[in-house]
Amino acid sequence: LEGHVVAPCPHDQSCPITDRNLPCRFAQNVQLSFAQQRTDLRHKGIHSEQFSYVVLKKGSHTTTSQSSRLILPVIKRSRHVICKLCCPNGSLSQVVLTKTKDKDLYKEARKKCWGDTI
């Protein structure tokens, strides 16, 4: 049986995240359940839930993905952004995109959320 990883990893190699305190996860705001509404969280109405997932697909790779996935929220500064990425070659990298040198990528990265591809 042949298959490959579709998401969240942009590659089929072993996970490059070796820090056990930084698993591949993403955050999503969710409404509180009925049980949670009876706790201290009720004052917020919603809270951020972290989740992890993997999508597998039967068959072999037909195309090579060249996009990287954000593994942490984008750090936005006044004239640059810092992105921590999981790359298609199976490695982690931290990229600094500046407003003057990388104008188009800079604008795109400022709009991206944790878990998006770039």
C-alpha atoms as a PDB file:
ATOM      1  CA  LEU A   1       0.000   0.000   0.000  1.00  0.00           C
ATOM      2  CA  GLU A   2       1.509   3.304  -1.104  1.00  0.00           C
ATOM      3  CA  GLY A   3       0.678   6.710   0.364  1.00  0.00           C
ATOM      4  CA  HIS A   4       2.032  10.103   1.353  1.00  0.00           C
ATOM      5  CA  VAL A   5       1.455  12.988   3.758  1.00  0.00           C
ATOM      6  CA  VAL A   6      -0.710  15.817   2.408  1.00  0.00           C
ATOM      7  CA  ALA A   7      -0.939  18.078   5.469  1.00  0.00           C
ATOM      8  CA  PRO A   8       0.232  19.660   7.720  1.00  0.00           C
ATOM      9  CA  CYS A   9       3.754  18.582   6.731  1.00  0.00           C
ATOM     10  CA  PRO A  10       5.009  19.808   3.348  1.00  0.00           C
ATOM     11  CA  HIS A  11       7.213  16.672   3.131  1.00  0.00           C
ATOM     12  CA  ASP A  12       7.222  12.878   3.747  1.00  0.00           C
ATOM     13  CA  GLN A  13      10.334  12.781   5.941  1.00  0.00           C
ATOM     14  CA  SER A  14      10.499  12.445   9.709  1.00  0.00           C
ATOM     15  CA  CYS A  15       9.356  15.422  11.754  1.00  0.00           C
ATOM     16  CA  PRO A  16      12.137  18.008  12.208  1.00  0.00           C
ATOM     17  CA  ILE A  17      10.610  19.316  15.465  1.00  0.00           C
ATOM     18  CA  THR A  18      12.658  17.664  18.196  1.00  0.00           C
ATOM     19  CA  ASP A  19      11.539  19.878  21.089  1.00  0.00           C
ATOM     20  CA  ARG A  20       8.839  17.974  22.996  1.00  0.00           C
ATOM     21  CA  ASN A  21       7.431  21.292  24.255  1.00  0.00           C
ATOM     22  CA  LEU A  22       6.807  22.470  20.674  1.00  0.00           C
ATOM     23  CA  PRO A  23       4.694  19.808  18.956  1.00  0.00           C
ATOM     24  CA  CYS A  24       3.212  20.496  15.535  1.00  0.00           C
ATOM     25  CA  ARG A  25      -0.044  22.128  16.588  1.00  0.00           C
ATOM     26  CA  PHE A  26      -2.315  24.982  15.646  1.00  0.00           C
ATOM     27  CA  ALA A  27      -4.670  27.256  17.586  1.00  0.00           C
ATOM     28  CA  GLN A  28      -8.318  27.928  16.825  1.00  0.00           C
ATOM     29  CA  ASN A  29     -10.838  30.057  18.750  1.00  0.00           C
ATOM     30  CA  VAL A  30     -13.900  28.003  19.685  1.00  0.00           C
ATOM     31  CA  GLN A  31     -17.135  28.699  21.524  1.00  0.00           C
ATOM     32  CA  LEU A  32     -17.373  27.212  24.969  1.00  0.00           C
ATOM     33  CA  SER A  33     -19.253  23.949  25.405  1.00  0.00           C
ATOM     34  CA  PHE A  34     -22.147  23.709  27.827  1.00  0.00           C
ATOM     35  CA  ALA A  35     -19.868  22.185  30.485  1.00  0.00           C
ATOM     36  CA  GLN A  36     -17.178  24.849  30.005  1.00  0.00           C
ATOM     37  CA  GLN A  37     -19.750  27.627  30.441  1.00  0.00           C
ATOM     38  CA  ARG A  38     -20.015  26.567  34.095  1.00  0.00           C
ATOM     39  CA  THR A  39     -16.283  27.183  34.723  1.00  0.00           C
ATOM     40  CA  ASP A  40     -14.052  30.254  35.030  1.00  0.00           C
ATOM     41  CA  LEU A  41     -13.844  30.422  31.219  1.00  0.00           C
ATOM     42  CA  ARG A  42     -17.447  31.711  31.005  1.00  0.00           C
ATOM     43  CA  HIS A  43     -16.284  35.320  31.295  1.00  0.00           C
ATOM     44  CA  LYS A  44     -14.445  35.066  27.971  1.00  0.00           C
ATOM     45  CA  GLY A  45     -17.208  33.387  25.917  1.00  0.00           C
ATOM     46  CA  ILE A  46     -14.639  31.789  23.609  1.00  0.00           C
ATOM     47  CA  HIS A  47     -11.218  30.364  24.174  1.00  0.00           C
ATOM     48  CA  SER A  48      -8.279  29.208  22.124  1.00  0.00           C
ATOM     49  CA  GLU A  49      -8.102  25.445  21.631  1.00  0.00           C
ATOM     50  CA  GLN A  50      -4.949  23.806  20.298  1.00  0.00           C
ATOM     51  CA  PHE A  51      -5.183  20.854  17.948  1.00  0.00           C
ATOM     52  CA  SER A  52      -2.979  18.645  15.839  1.00  0.00           C
ATOM     53  CA  TYR A  53      -3.851  16.645  12.740  1.00  0.00           C
ATOM     54  CA  VAL A  54      -2.366  14.684   9.865  1.00  0.00           C
ATOM     55  CA  VAL A  55      -3.874  14.048   6.416  1.00  0.00           C
ATOM     56  CA  LEU A  56      -2.680  11.026   4.442  1.00  0.00           C
ATOM     57  CA  LYS A  57      -3.488  10.195   0.824  1.00  0.00           C
ATOM     58  CA  LYS A  58      -3.295   6.910  -1.051  1.00  0.00           C
ATOM     59  CA  GLY A  59      -1.032   6.723  -4.084  1.00  0.00           C
ATOM     60  CA  SER A  60       2.264   8.347  -4.941  1.00  0.00           C
ATOM     61  CA  HIS A  61       3.183  12.015  -5.110  1.00  0.00           C
ATOM     62  CA  THR A  62       2.176  13.544  -8.424  1.00  0.00           C
ATOM     63  CA  THR A  63       3.425  17.071  -7.786  1.00  0.00           C
ATOM     64  CA  THR A  64       6.151  18.514  -5.622  1.00  0.00           C
ATOM     65  CA  SER A  65       4.902  21.116  -3.159  1.00  0.00           C
ATOM     66  CA  GLN A  66       7.209  24.104  -2.832  1.00  0.00           C
ATOM     67  CA  SER A  67       5.296  25.794  -0.025  1.00  0.00           C
ATOM     68  CA  SER A  68       6.350  25.869   3.606  1.00  0.00           C
ATOM     69  CA  ARG A  69       4.031  25.789   6.623  1.00  0.00           C
ATOM     70  CA  LEU A  70       4.099  28.245   9.540  1.00  0.00           C
ATOM     71  CA  ILE A  71       4.667  26.274  12.740  1.00  0.00           C
ATOM     72  CA  LEU A  72       4.329  29.296  15.041  1.00  0.00           C
ATOM     73  CA  PRO A  73       2.410  32.572  14.757  1.00  0.00           C
ATOM     74  CA  VAL A  74       4.097  35.229  12.612  1.00  0.00           C
ATOM     75  CA  ILE A  75       6.040  37.723  14.734  1.00  0.00           C
ATOM     76  CA  LYS A  76       5.153  41.152  13.334  1.00  0.00           C
ATOM     77  CA  ARG A  77       7.501  44.085  13.770  1.00  0.00           C
ATOM     78  CA  SER A  78       7.320  47.585  12.292  1.00  0.00           C
ATOM     79  CA  ARG A  79       9.407  46.960   9.142  1.00  0.00           C
ATOM     80  CA  HIS A  80       9.849  43.178   9.159  1.00  0.00           C
ATOM     81  CA  VAL A  81       8.185  39.883  10.062  1.00  0.00           C
ATOM     82  CA  ILE A  82       9.748  36.716  11.477  1.00  0.00           C
ATOM     83  CA  CYS A  83       8.386  33.361  10.296  1.00  0.00           C
ATOM     84  CA  LYS A  84       9.321  29.936  11.674  1.00  0.00           C
ATOM     85  CA  LEU A  85       8.692  27.416   8.884  1.00  0.00           C
ATOM     86  CA  CYS A  86       8.605  23.690   8.232  1.00  0.00           C
ATOM     87  CA  CYS A  87      10.134  23.427   4.749  1.00  0.00           C
ATOM     88  CA  PRO A  88       9.523  20.945   1.888  1.00  0.00           C
ATOM     89  CA  ASN A  89      13.066  19.580   2.277  1.00  0.00           C
ATOM     90  CA  GLY A  90      12.179  18.337   5.789  1.00  0.00           C
ATOM     91  CA  SER A  91      13.968  21.001   7.823  1.00  0.00           C
ATOM     92  CA  LEU A  92      12.957  23.893  10.055  1.00  0.00           C
ATOM     93  CA  SER A  93      13.954  27.423   9.176  1.00  0.00           C
ATOM     94  CA  GLN A  94      13.407  30.896  10.517  1.00  0.00           C
ATOM     95  CA  VAL A  95      12.945  33.548   7.851  1.00  0.00           C
ATOM     96  CA  VAL A  96      13.011  37.317   8.316  1.00  0.00           C
ATOM     97  CA  LEU A  97      11.108  39.179   5.600  1.00  0.00           C
ATOM     98  CA  THR A  98      11.737  42.918   5.391  1.00  0.00           C
ATOM     99  CA  LYS A  99       9.445  45.574   3.984  1.00  0.00           C
ATOM    100  CA  THR A 100      12.122  46.959   1.650  1.00  0.00           C
ATOM    101  CA  LYS A 101      13.769  43.776   0.305  1.00  0.00           C
ATOM    102  CA  ASP A 102      10.826  41.335   0.221  1.00  0.00           C
ATOM    103  CA  LYS A 103       7.867  43.650  -0.349  1.00  0.00           C
ATOM    104  CA  ASP A 104       5.354  41.118  -1.797  1.00  0.00           C
ATOM    105  CA  LEU A 105       6.268  38.281   0.576  1.00  0.00           C
ATOM    106  CA  TYR A 106       6.266  40.714   3.502  1.00  0.00           C
ATOM    107  CA  LYS A 107       2.682  41.809   2.734  1.00  0.00           C
ATOM    108  CA  GLU A 108       1.540  38.202   2.300  1.00  0.00           C
ATOM    109  CA  ALA A 109       3.249  36.995   5.498  1.00  0.00           C
ATOM    110  CA  ARG A 110       1.628  39.719   7.650  1.00  0.00           C
ATOM    111  CA  LYS A 111      -1.796  38.300   6.746  1.00  0.00           C
ATOM    112  CA  LYS A 112      -0.884  34.660   7.439  1.00  0.00           C
ATOM    113  CA  CYS A 113      -1.945  32.731  10.529  1.00  0.00           C
ATOM    114  CA  TRP A 114      -0.383  29.887  12.456  1.00  0.00           C
ATOM    115  CA  GLY A 115      -0.588  26.740  10.289  1.00  0.00           C
ATOM    116  CA  ASP A 116      -0.965  28.504   6.920  1.00  0.00           C
ATOM    117  CA  THR A 117       1.293  27.791   3.952  1.00  0.00           C
ATOM    118  CA  ILE A 118       3.583  30.443   2.589  1.00  0.00           C
END
